[in-house]
């Protein structure tokens, strides 16, 4: 794994993150439509909570 250039850009995934994403991708293939919708809503909720935490930390840094 290279540690130079674009590999370290915030928008790029590490190899570990790529692996985790593949695992999730395989897991969600078997979900029903209702389960998939619930999953998407929960992921969005968690992303919003993360955004709020980051904003709070930056504001108080």
C-alpha atoms as a PDB file:
ATOM      1  CA  UNK A   1       0.000   0.000   0.000  1.00  0.00           C
ATOM      2  CA  UNK A   2       1.406   3.345  -1.020  1.00  0.00           C
ATOM      3  CA  UNK A   3       1.553   6.177   1.496  1.00  0.00           C
ATOM      4  CA  UNK A   4       2.169   8.959  -0.993  1.00  0.00           C
ATOM      5  CA  UNK A   5       0.040  11.276  -3.042  1.00  0.00           C
ATOM      6  CA  UNK A   6      -3.637  10.689  -3.492  1.00  0.00           C
ATOM      7  CA  UNK A   7      -3.767   7.588  -1.251  1.00  0.00           C
ATOM      8  CA  UNK A   8      -3.761   9.877   1.786  1.00  0.00           C
ATOM      9  CA  UNK A   9      -6.429  12.225   0.486  1.00  0.00           C
ATOM     10  CA  UNK A  10      -9.457  12.486   2.789  1.00  0.00           C
ATOM     11  CA  UNK A  11     -11.826  11.415   0.000  1.00  0.00           C
ATOM     12  CA  UNK A  12      -9.992   8.151  -0.644  1.00  0.00           C
ATOM     13  CA  UNK A  13     -10.572   4.954   1.308  1.00  0.00           C
ATOM     14  CA  UNK A  14      -7.765   2.992   2.920  1.00  0.00           C
ATOM     15  CA  UNK A  15      -7.398  -0.670   2.029  1.00  0.00           C
ATOM     16  CA  UNK A  16      -9.000  -1.567   5.370  1.00  0.00           C
ATOM     17  CA  UNK A  17     -11.971   0.704   4.628  1.00  0.00           C
ATOM     18  CA  UNK A  18     -12.313  -0.771   1.128  1.00  0.00           C
ATOM     19  CA  UNK A  19     -12.417  -4.252   2.663  1.00  0.00           C
ATOM     20  CA  UNK A  20     -15.046  -3.215   5.234  1.00  0.00           C
ATOM     21  CA  UNK A  21     -17.115  -1.636   2.459  1.00  0.00           C
ATOM     22  CA  UNK A  22     -16.970  -4.876   0.453  1.00  0.00           C
ATOM     23  CA  UNK A  23     -18.128  -6.837   3.528  1.00  0.00           C
ATOM     24  CA  UNK A  24     -21.093  -4.464   3.982  1.00  0.00           C
ATOM     25  CA  UNK A  25     -21.849  -4.653   0.260  1.00  0.00           C
ATOM     26  CA  UNK A  26     -22.027  -8.438   0.477  1.00  0.00           C
ATOM     27  CA  UNK A  27     -24.197  -8.291   3.610  1.00  0.00           C
ATOM     28  CA  UNK A  28     -26.801  -5.894   2.194  1.00  0.00           C
ATOM     29  CA  UNK A  29     -27.346  -7.925  -0.978  1.00  0.00           C
ATOM     30  CA  UNK A  30     -29.675 -10.220   0.940  1.00  0.00           C
ATOM     31  CA  UNK A  31     -31.810  -7.500   2.509  1.00  0.00           C
ATOM     32  CA  UNK A  32     -35.463  -7.015   1.672  1.00  0.00           C
ATOM     33  CA  UNK A  33     -36.581  -3.609   0.385  1.00  0.00           C
ATOM     34  CA  UNK A  34     -37.901  -2.662   3.826  1.00  0.00           C
ATOM     35  CA  UNK A  35     -34.683  -3.739   5.546  1.00  0.00           C
ATOM     36  CA  UNK A  36     -32.608  -1.814   2.996  1.00  0.00           C
ATOM     37  CA  UNK A  37     -34.679   1.330   3.535  1.00  0.00           C
ATOM     38  CA  UNK A  38     -34.274   1.058   7.310  1.00  0.00           C
ATOM     39  CA  UNK A  39     -30.553   0.524   6.843  1.00  0.00           C
ATOM     40  CA  UNK A  40     -30.180   3.636   4.662  1.00  0.00           C
ATOM     41  CA  UNK A  41     -32.102   5.779   7.150  1.00  0.00           C
ATOM     42  CA  UNK A  42     -29.958   4.510  10.048  1.00  0.00           C
ATOM     43  CA  UNK A  43     -26.734   5.147   8.128  1.00  0.00           C
ATOM     44  CA  UNK A  44     -27.880   8.698   7.355  1.00  0.00           C
ATOM     45  CA  UNK A  45     -28.758   9.257  11.021  1.00  0.00           C
ATOM     46  CA  UNK A  46     -25.337   8.079  12.102  1.00  0.00           C
ATOM     47  CA  UNK A  47     -23.627  10.299   9.512  1.00  0.00           C
ATOM     48  CA  UNK A  48     -25.578  13.306  10.819  1.00  0.00           C
ATOM     49  CA  UNK A  49     -24.573  12.489  14.400  1.00  0.00           C
ATOM     50  CA  UNK A  50     -20.951  12.222  13.256  1.00  0.00           C
ATOM     51  CA  UNK A  51     -21.240  15.604  11.475  1.00  0.00           C
ATOM     52  CA  UNK A  52     -22.620  17.159  14.655  1.00  0.00           C
ATOM     53  CA  UNK A  53     -19.780  15.703  16.731  1.00  0.00           C
ATOM     54  CA  UNK A  54     -17.140  16.975  14.294  1.00  0.00           C
ATOM     55  CA  UNK A  55     -18.720  20.454  14.235  1.00  0.00           C
ATOM     56  CA  UNK A  56     -18.845  20.489  18.037  1.00  0.00           C
ATOM     57  CA  UNK A  57     -15.204  19.425  18.321  1.00  0.00           C
ATOM     58  CA  UNK A  58     -14.066  22.032  15.773  1.00  0.00           C
ATOM     59  CA  UNK A  59     -16.101  24.758  17.456  1.00  0.00           C
ATOM     60  CA  UNK A  60     -14.573  23.959  20.842  1.00  0.00           C
ATOM     61  CA  UNK A  61     -11.005  23.398  19.617  1.00  0.00           C
END
